[in-house]
Amino acid sequence: MSIQSINVRNQFRGKIREIIEGPVVSEVDVETPHGIVTSVITTRSIRDLGLKPGVEVLALVKATEVSIAKI
């Protein structure tokens, strides 16, 4: 599968650094030039997509809300 175009504007290209696998959902850490992006997806999707550390991926972030806290 290849992506021709997509409406998600927040895209981060990177490589999978680590996968913390659970029975139903797993955490995927993606190393990008801007830092680590972590995604929680189903463990089944990890298997179906063949995701492993070192694989190049595109992290797509689409949110209806982004909160800001002053520190």
PDB file of N, CA and C in Angstrom:
ATOM      1  N   MET A   1       0.841  -1.167   0.000  1.00  0.00           N
ATOM      2  CA  MET A   1       0.000   0.000   0.000  1.00  0.00           C
ATOM      3  C   MET A   1       0.891   1.237   0.000  1.00  0.00           C
ATOM      4  N   SER A   2       0.507   2.238  -0.762  1.00  0.00           N
ATOM      5  CA  SER A   2       1.221   3.509  -0.740  1.00  0.00           C
ATOM      6  C   SER A   2       0.204   4.627  -0.573  1.00  0.00           C
ATOM      7  N   ILE A   3       0.618   5.689   0.087  1.00  0.00           N
ATOM      8  CA  ILE A   3      -0.255   6.826   0.306  1.00  0.00           C
ATOM      9  C   ILE A   3      -0.011   7.833  -0.813  1.00  0.00           C
ATOM     10  N   GLN A   4      -1.052   8.139  -1.569  1.00  0.00           N
ATOM     11  CA  GLN A   4      -0.956   9.126  -2.641  1.00  0.00           C
ATOM     12  C   GLN A   4      -1.107  10.538  -2.069  1.00  0.00           C
ATOM     13  N   SER A   5      -2.109  10.713  -1.232  1.00  0.00           N
ATOM     14  CA  SER A   5      -2.328  11.991  -0.566  1.00  0.00           C
ATOM     15  C   SER A   5      -3.197  11.747   0.655  1.00  0.00           C
ATOM     16  N   ILE A   6      -3.101  12.667   1.627  1.00  0.00           N
ATOM     17  CA  ILE A   6      -3.857  12.504   2.862  1.00  0.00           C
ATOM     18  C   ILE A   6      -4.122  13.884   3.437  1.00  0.00           C
ATOM     19  N   ASN A   7      -5.238  14.036   4.144  1.00  0.00           N
ATOM     20  CA  ASN A   7      -5.588  15.354   4.662  1.00  0.00           C
ATOM     21  C   ASN A   7      -4.978  15.643   6.030  1.00  0.00           C
ATOM     22  N   VAL A   8      -4.309  14.703   6.638  1.00  0.00           N
ATOM     23  CA  VAL A   8      -3.691  14.925   7.942  1.00  0.00           C
ATOM     24  C   VAL A   8      -2.438  15.775   7.754  1.00  0.00           C
ATOM     25  N   ARG A   9      -2.394  16.923   8.390  1.00  0.00           N
ATOM     26  CA  ARG A   9      -1.290  17.863   8.204  1.00  0.00           C
ATOM     27  C   ARG A   9      -0.125  17.611   9.148  1.00  0.00           C
ATOM     28  N   ASN A  10      -0.384  17.041  10.312  1.00  0.00           N
ATOM     29  CA  ASN A  10       0.670  16.787  11.290  1.00  0.00           C
ATOM     30  C   ASN A  10       1.256  15.401  11.050  1.00  0.00           C
ATOM     31  N   GLN A  11       2.347  15.370  10.295  1.00  0.00           N
ATOM     32  CA  GLN A  11       2.978  14.124   9.904  1.00  0.00           C
ATOM     33  C   GLN A  11       4.434  14.133  10.355  1.00  0.00           C
ATOM     34  N   PHE A  12       4.855  13.025  10.939  1.00  0.00           N
ATOM     35  CA  PHE A  12       6.220  12.908  11.433  1.00  0.00           C
ATOM     36  C   PHE A  12       6.841  11.626  10.892  1.00  0.00           C
ATOM     37  N   ARG A  13       7.831  11.771  10.031  1.00  0.00           N
ATOM     38  CA  ARG A  13       8.530  10.611   9.486  1.00  0.00           C
ATOM     39  C   ARG A  13       9.577  10.175  10.508  1.00  0.00           C
ATOM     40  N   GLY A  14       9.685   8.871  10.708  1.00  0.00           N
ATOM     41  CA  GLY A  14      10.680   8.374  11.649  1.00  0.00           C
ATOM     42  C   GLY A  14      10.821   6.872  11.570  1.00  0.00           C
ATOM     43  N   LYS A  15      11.579   6.338  12.510  1.00  0.00           N
ATOM     44  CA  LYS A  15      11.778   4.893  12.596  1.00  0.00           C
ATOM     45  C   LYS A  15      11.291   4.409  13.946  1.00  0.00           C
ATOM     46  N   ILE A  16      10.722   3.212  13.947  1.00  0.00           N
ATOM     47  CA  ILE A  16      10.257   2.632  15.194  1.00  0.00           C
ATOM     48  C   ILE A  16      11.461   2.359  16.082  1.00  0.00           C
ATOM     49  N   ARG A  17      11.422   2.899  17.285  1.00  0.00           N
ATOM     50  CA  ARG A  17      12.501   2.708  18.249  1.00  0.00           C
ATOM     51  C   ARG A  17      12.209   1.530  19.172  1.00  0.00           C
ATOM     52  N   GLU A  18      10.947   1.432  19.620  1.00  0.00           N
ATOM     53  CA  GLU A  18      10.588   0.374  20.561  1.00  0.00           C
ATOM     54  C   GLU A  18       9.107   0.071  20.455  1.00  0.00           C
ATOM     55  N   ILE A  19       8.761  -1.189  20.687  1.00  0.00           N
ATOM     56  CA  ILE A  19       7.361  -1.609  20.767  1.00  0.00           C
ATOM     57  C   ILE A  19       7.181  -2.309  22.105  1.00  0.00           C
ATOM     58  N   ILE A  20       6.252  -1.803  22.904  1.00  0.00           N
ATOM     59  CA  ILE A  20       5.908  -2.451  24.174  1.00  0.00           C
ATOM     60  C   ILE A  20       4.582  -3.153  23.934  1.00  0.00           C
ATOM     61  N   GLU A  21       4.680  -4.458  23.734  1.00  0.00           N
ATOM     62  CA  GLU A  21       3.523  -5.234  23.288  1.00  0.00           C
ATOM     63  C   GLU A  21       2.681  -5.700  24.462  1.00  0.00           C
ATOM     64  N   GLY A  22       1.375  -5.527  24.321  1.00  0.00           N
ATOM     65  CA  GLY A  22       0.404  -6.028  25.289  1.00  0.00           C
ATOM     66  C   GLY A  22      -0.504  -7.034  24.621  1.00  0.00           C
ATOM     67  N   PRO A  23      -1.381  -7.678  25.392  1.00  0.00           N
ATOM     68  CA  PRO A  23      -2.251  -8.694  24.802  1.00  0.00           C
ATOM     69  C   PRO A  23      -3.270  -8.124  23.812  1.00  0.00           C
ATOM     70  N   VAL A  24      -3.718  -6.889  24.037  1.00  0.00           N
ATOM     71  CA  VAL A  24      -4.729  -6.291  23.165  1.00  0.00           C
ATOM     72  C   VAL A  24      -4.203  -5.036  22.471  1.00  0.00           C
ATOM     73  N   VAL A  25      -3.574  -4.139  23.233  1.00  0.00           N
ATOM     74  CA  VAL A  25      -3.006  -2.917  22.655  1.00  0.00           C
ATOM     75  C   VAL A  25      -1.519  -2.850  22.977  1.00  0.00           C
ATOM     76  N   SER A  26      -0.790  -2.114  22.150  1.00  0.00           N
ATOM     77  CA  SER A  26       0.658  -1.982  22.308  1.00  0.00           C
ATOM     78  C   SER A  26       1.057  -0.526  22.122  1.00  0.00           C
ATOM     79  N   GLU A  27       2.200  -0.153  22.717  1.00  0.00           N
ATOM     80  CA  GLU A  27       2.769   1.177  22.530  1.00  0.00           C
ATOM     81  C   GLU A  27       3.867   1.096  21.485  1.00  0.00           C
ATOM     82  N   VAL A  28       3.861   2.040  20.570  1.00  0.00           N
ATOM     83  CA  VAL A  28       4.886   2.108  19.539  1.00  0.00           C
ATOM     84  C   VAL A  28       5.586   3.455  19.679  1.00  0.00           C
ATOM     85  N   ASP A  29       6.880   3.435  19.970  1.00  0.00           N
ATOM     86  CA  ASP A  29       7.680   4.658  20.050  1.00  0.00           C
ATOM     87  C   ASP A  29       8.365   4.873  18.711  1.00  0.00           C
ATOM     88  N   VAL A  30       8.132   6.055  18.134  1.00  0.00           N
ATOM     89  CA  VAL A  30       8.715   6.402  16.842  1.00  0.00           C
ATOM     90  C   VAL A  30       9.721   7.534  17.056  1.00  0.00           C
ATOM     91  N   GLU A  31      10.964   7.307  16.660  1.00  0.00           N
ATOM     92  CA  GLU A  31      12.023   8.316  16.751  1.00  0.00           C
ATOM     93  C   GLU A  31      11.941   9.204  15.521  1.00  0.00           C
ATOM     94  N   THR A  32      11.677  10.507  15.746  1.00  0.00           N
ATOM     95  CA  THR A  32      11.594  11.467  14.653  1.00  0.00           C
ATOM     96  C   THR A  32      12.676  12.528  14.860  1.00  0.00           C
ATOM     97  N   PRO A  33      12.941  13.352  13.862  1.00  0.00           N
ATOM     98  CA  PRO A  33      13.906  14.440  14.040  1.00  0.00           C
ATOM     99  C   PRO A  33      13.489  15.434  15.130  1.00  0.00           C
ATOM    100  N   HIS A  34      12.199  15.422  15.484  1.00  0.00           N
ATOM    101  CA  HIS A  34      11.668  16.357  16.480  1.00  0.00           C
ATOM    102  C   HIS A  34      11.508  15.714  17.858  1.00  0.00           C
ATOM    103  N   GLY A  35      11.862  14.461  17.998  1.00  0.00           N
ATOM    104  CA  GLY A  35      11.704  13.750  19.263  1.00  0.00           C
ATOM    105  C   GLY A  35      10.894  12.481  19.081  1.00  0.00           C
ATOM    106  N   ILE A  36      10.502  11.899  20.194  1.00  0.00           N
ATOM    107  CA  ILE A  36       9.749  10.639  20.188  1.00  0.00           C
ATOM    108  C   ILE A  36       8.256  10.918  20.092  1.00  0.00           C
ATOM    109  N   VAL A  37       7.585  10.189  19.208  1.00  0.00           N
ATOM    110  CA  VAL A  37       6.127  10.187  19.117  1.00  0.00           C
ATOM    111  C   VAL A  37       5.682   8.794  19.519  1.00  0.00           C
ATOM    112  N   THR A  38       4.745   8.720  20.470  1.00  0.00           N
ATOM    113  CA  THR A  38       4.258   7.425  20.939  1.00  0.00           C
ATOM    114  C   THR A  38       2.815   7.231  20.502  1.00  0.00           C
ATOM    115  N   SER A  39       2.537   6.069  19.956  1.00  0.00           N
ATOM    116  CA  SER A  39       1.193   5.722  19.526  1.00  0.00           C
ATOM    117  C   SER A  39       0.744   4.455  20.249  1.00  0.00           C
ATOM    118  N   VAL A  40      -0.523   4.411  20.622  1.00  0.00           N
ATOM    119  CA  VAL A  40      -1.104   3.201  21.186  1.00  0.00           C
ATOM    120  C   VAL A  40      -2.050   2.644  20.131  1.00  0.00           C
ATOM    121  N   ILE A  41      -1.717   1.453  19.626  1.00  0.00           N
ATOM    122  CA  ILE A  41      -2.534   0.807  18.597  1.00  0.00           C
ATOM    123  C   ILE A  41      -2.759  -0.649  18.989  1.00  0.00           C
ATOM    124  N   THR A  42      -3.656  -1.299  18.283  1.00  0.00           N
ATOM    125  CA  THR A  42      -3.923  -2.697  18.623  1.00  0.00           C
ATOM    126  C   THR A  42      -2.716  -3.566  18.278  1.00  0.00           C
ATOM    127  N   THR A  43      -2.532  -4.580  19.073  1.00  0.00           N
ATOM    128  CA  THR A  43      -1.442  -5.529  18.842  1.00  0.00           C
ATOM    129  C   THR A  43      -1.657  -6.246  17.508  1.00  0.00           C
ATOM    130  N   ARG A  44      -2.891  -6.465  17.162  1.00  0.00           N
ATOM    131  CA  ARG A  44      -3.205  -7.089  15.873  1.00  0.00           C
ATOM    132  C   ARG A  44      -2.705  -6.219  14.721  1.00  0.00           C
ATOM    133  N   SER A  45      -2.880  -4.899  14.822  1.00  0.00           N
ATOM    134  CA  SER A  45      -2.402  -3.992  13.770  1.00  0.00           C
ATOM    135  C   SER A  45      -0.885  -4.038  13.657  1.00  0.00           C
ATOM    136  N   ILE A  46      -0.193  -4.205  14.778  1.00  0.00           N
ATOM    137  CA  ILE A  46       1.270  -4.313  14.745  1.00  0.00           C
ATOM    138  C   ILE A  46       1.672  -5.526  13.910  1.00  0.00           C
ATOM    139  N   ARG A  47       0.999  -6.628  14.143  1.00  0.00           N
ATOM    140  CA  ARG A  47       1.297  -7.848  13.369  1.00  0.00           C
ATOM    141  C   ARG A  47       0.909  -7.678  11.905  1.00  0.00           C
ATOM    142  N   ASP A  48      -0.301  -7.139  11.651  1.00  0.00           N
ATOM    143  CA  ASP A  48      -0.787  -6.981  10.276  1.00  0.00           C
ATOM    144  C   ASP A  48       0.113  -6.062   9.451  1.00  0.00           C
ATOM    145  N   LEU A  49       0.657  -5.016  10.082  1.00  0.00           N
ATOM    146  CA  LEU A  49       1.521  -4.062   9.382  1.00  0.00           C
ATOM    147  C   LEU A  49       2.989  -4.491   9.357  1.00  0.00           C
ATOM    148  N   GLY A  50       3.318  -5.539  10.096  1.00  0.00           N
ATOM    149  CA  GLY A  50       4.702  -6.003  10.144  1.00  0.00           C
ATOM    150  C   GLY A  50       5.634  -5.005  10.828  1.00  0.00           C
ATOM    151  N   LEU A  51       5.133  -4.325  11.853  1.00  0.00           N
ATOM    152  CA  LEU A  51       5.929  -3.317  12.540  1.00  0.00           C
ATOM    153  C   LEU A  51       6.959  -3.955  13.465  1.00  0.00           C
ATOM    154  N   LYS A  52       8.191  -3.431  13.398  1.00  0.00           N
ATOM    155  CA  LYS A  52       9.304  -3.910  14.214  1.00  0.00           C
ATOM    156  C   LYS A  52      10.246  -2.730  14.423  1.00  0.00           C
ATOM    157  N   PRO A  53      11.073  -2.769  15.470  1.00  0.00           N
ATOM    158  CA  PRO A  53      12.071  -1.708  15.629  1.00  0.00           C
ATOM    159  C   PRO A  53      12.934  -1.583  14.373  1.00  0.00           C
ATOM    160  N   GLY A  54      13.199  -0.321  13.988  1.00  0.00           N
ATOM    161  CA  GLY A  54      14.012  -0.053  12.805  1.00  0.00           C
ATOM    162  C   GLY A  54      13.213   0.199  11.540  1.00  0.00           C
ATOM    163  N   VAL A  55      11.920  -0.153  11.552  1.00  0.00           N
ATOM    164  CA  VAL A  55      11.082   0.039  10.368  1.00  0.00           C
ATOM    165  C   VAL A  55      10.731   1.518  10.236  1.00  0.00           C
ATOM    166  N   GLU A  56      10.854   2.067   9.018  1.00  0.00           N
ATOM    167  CA  GLU A  56      10.500   3.461   8.776  1.00  0.00           C
ATOM    168  C   GLU A  56       8.988   3.591   8.645  1.00  0.00           C
ATOM    169  N   VAL A  57       8.438   4.574   9.347  1.00  0.00           N
ATOM    170  CA  VAL A  57       6.987   4.786   9.358  1.00  0.00           C
ATOM    171  C   VAL A  57       6.681   6.276   9.268  1.00  0.00           C
ATOM    172  N   LEU A  58       5.424   6.573   9.088  1.00  0.00           N
ATOM    173  CA  LEU A  58       4.927   7.935   9.110  1.00  0.00           C
ATOM    174  C   LEU A  58       3.893   8.006  10.222  1.00  0.00           C
ATOM    175  N   ALA A  59       4.160   8.819  11.255  1.00  0.00           N
ATOM    176  CA  ALA A  59       3.210   9.013  12.348  1.00  0.00           C
ATOM    177  C   ALA A  59       2.280  10.155  11.944  1.00  0.00           C
ATOM    178  N   LEU A  60       0.998   9.872  11.897  1.00  0.00           N
ATOM    179  CA  LEU A  60      -0.005  10.855  11.501  1.00  0.00           C
ATOM    180  C   LEU A  60      -0.804  11.245  12.739  1.00  0.00           C
ATOM    181  N   VAL A  61      -0.842  12.539  13.041  1.00  0.00           N
ATOM    182  CA  VAL A  61      -1.537  13.011  14.235  1.00  0.00           C
ATOM    183  C   VAL A  61      -2.724  13.844  13.812  1.00  0.00           C
ATOM    184  N   LYS A  62      -3.911  13.391  14.181  1.00  0.00           N
ATOM    185  CA  LYS A  62      -5.125  14.144  13.902  1.00  0.00           C
ATOM    186  C   LYS A  62      -5.896  14.228  15.212  1.00  0.00           C
ATOM    187  N   ALA A  63      -6.042  15.426  15.717  1.00  0.00           N
ATOM    188  CA  ALA A  63      -6.703  15.605  17.003  1.00  0.00           C
ATOM    189  C   ALA A  63      -7.761  16.695  16.896  1.00  0.00           C
ATOM    190  N   THR A  64      -8.821  16.528  17.641  1.00  0.00           N
ATOM    191  CA  THR A  64      -9.843  17.547  17.667  1.00  0.00           C
ATOM    192  C   THR A  64      -9.545  18.579  18.750  1.00  0.00           C
ATOM    193  N   GLU A  65      -8.587  18.280  19.630  1.00  0.00           N
ATOM    194  CA  GLU A  65      -8.246  19.203  20.693  1.00  0.00           C
ATOM    195  C   GLU A  65      -6.762  19.089  21.031  1.00  0.00           C
ATOM    196  N   VAL A  66      -6.115  20.210  21.174  1.00  0.00           N
ATOM    197  CA  VAL A  66      -4.737  20.255  21.648  1.00  0.00           C
ATOM    198  C   VAL A  66      -4.729  21.206  22.831  1.00  0.00           C
ATOM    199  N   SER A  67      -4.347  20.691  23.998  1.00  0.00           N
ATOM    200  CA  SER A  67      -4.318  21.506  25.209  1.00  0.00           C
ATOM    201  C   SER A  67      -2.922  22.054  25.454  1.00  0.00           C
ATOM    202  N   ILE A  68      -2.869  23.265  26.029  1.00  0.00           N
ATOM    203  CA  ILE A  68      -1.625  23.912  26.365  1.00  0.00           C
ATOM    204  C   ILE A  68      -1.637  24.217  27.859  1.00  0.00           C
ATOM    205  N   ALA A  69      -0.542  23.909  28.544  1.00  0.00           N
ATOM    206  CA  ALA A  69      -0.416  24.237  29.965  1.00  0.00           C
ATOM    207  C   ALA A  69       0.810  25.107  30.144  1.00  0.00           C
ATOM    208  N   LYS A  70       0.679  26.191  30.893  1.00  0.00           N
ATOM    209  CA  LYS A  70       1.811  27.062  31.167  1.00  0.00           C
ATOM    210  C   LYS A  70       2.655  26.418  32.254  1.00  0.00           C
ATOM    211  N   ILE A  71       3.984  26.378  32.038  1.00  0.00           N
ATOM    212  CA  ILE A  71       4.862  25.776  33.031  1.00  0.00           C
ATOM    213  C   ILE A  71       5.826  26.805  33.597  1.00  0.00           C
TER     214      ILE A  71
END
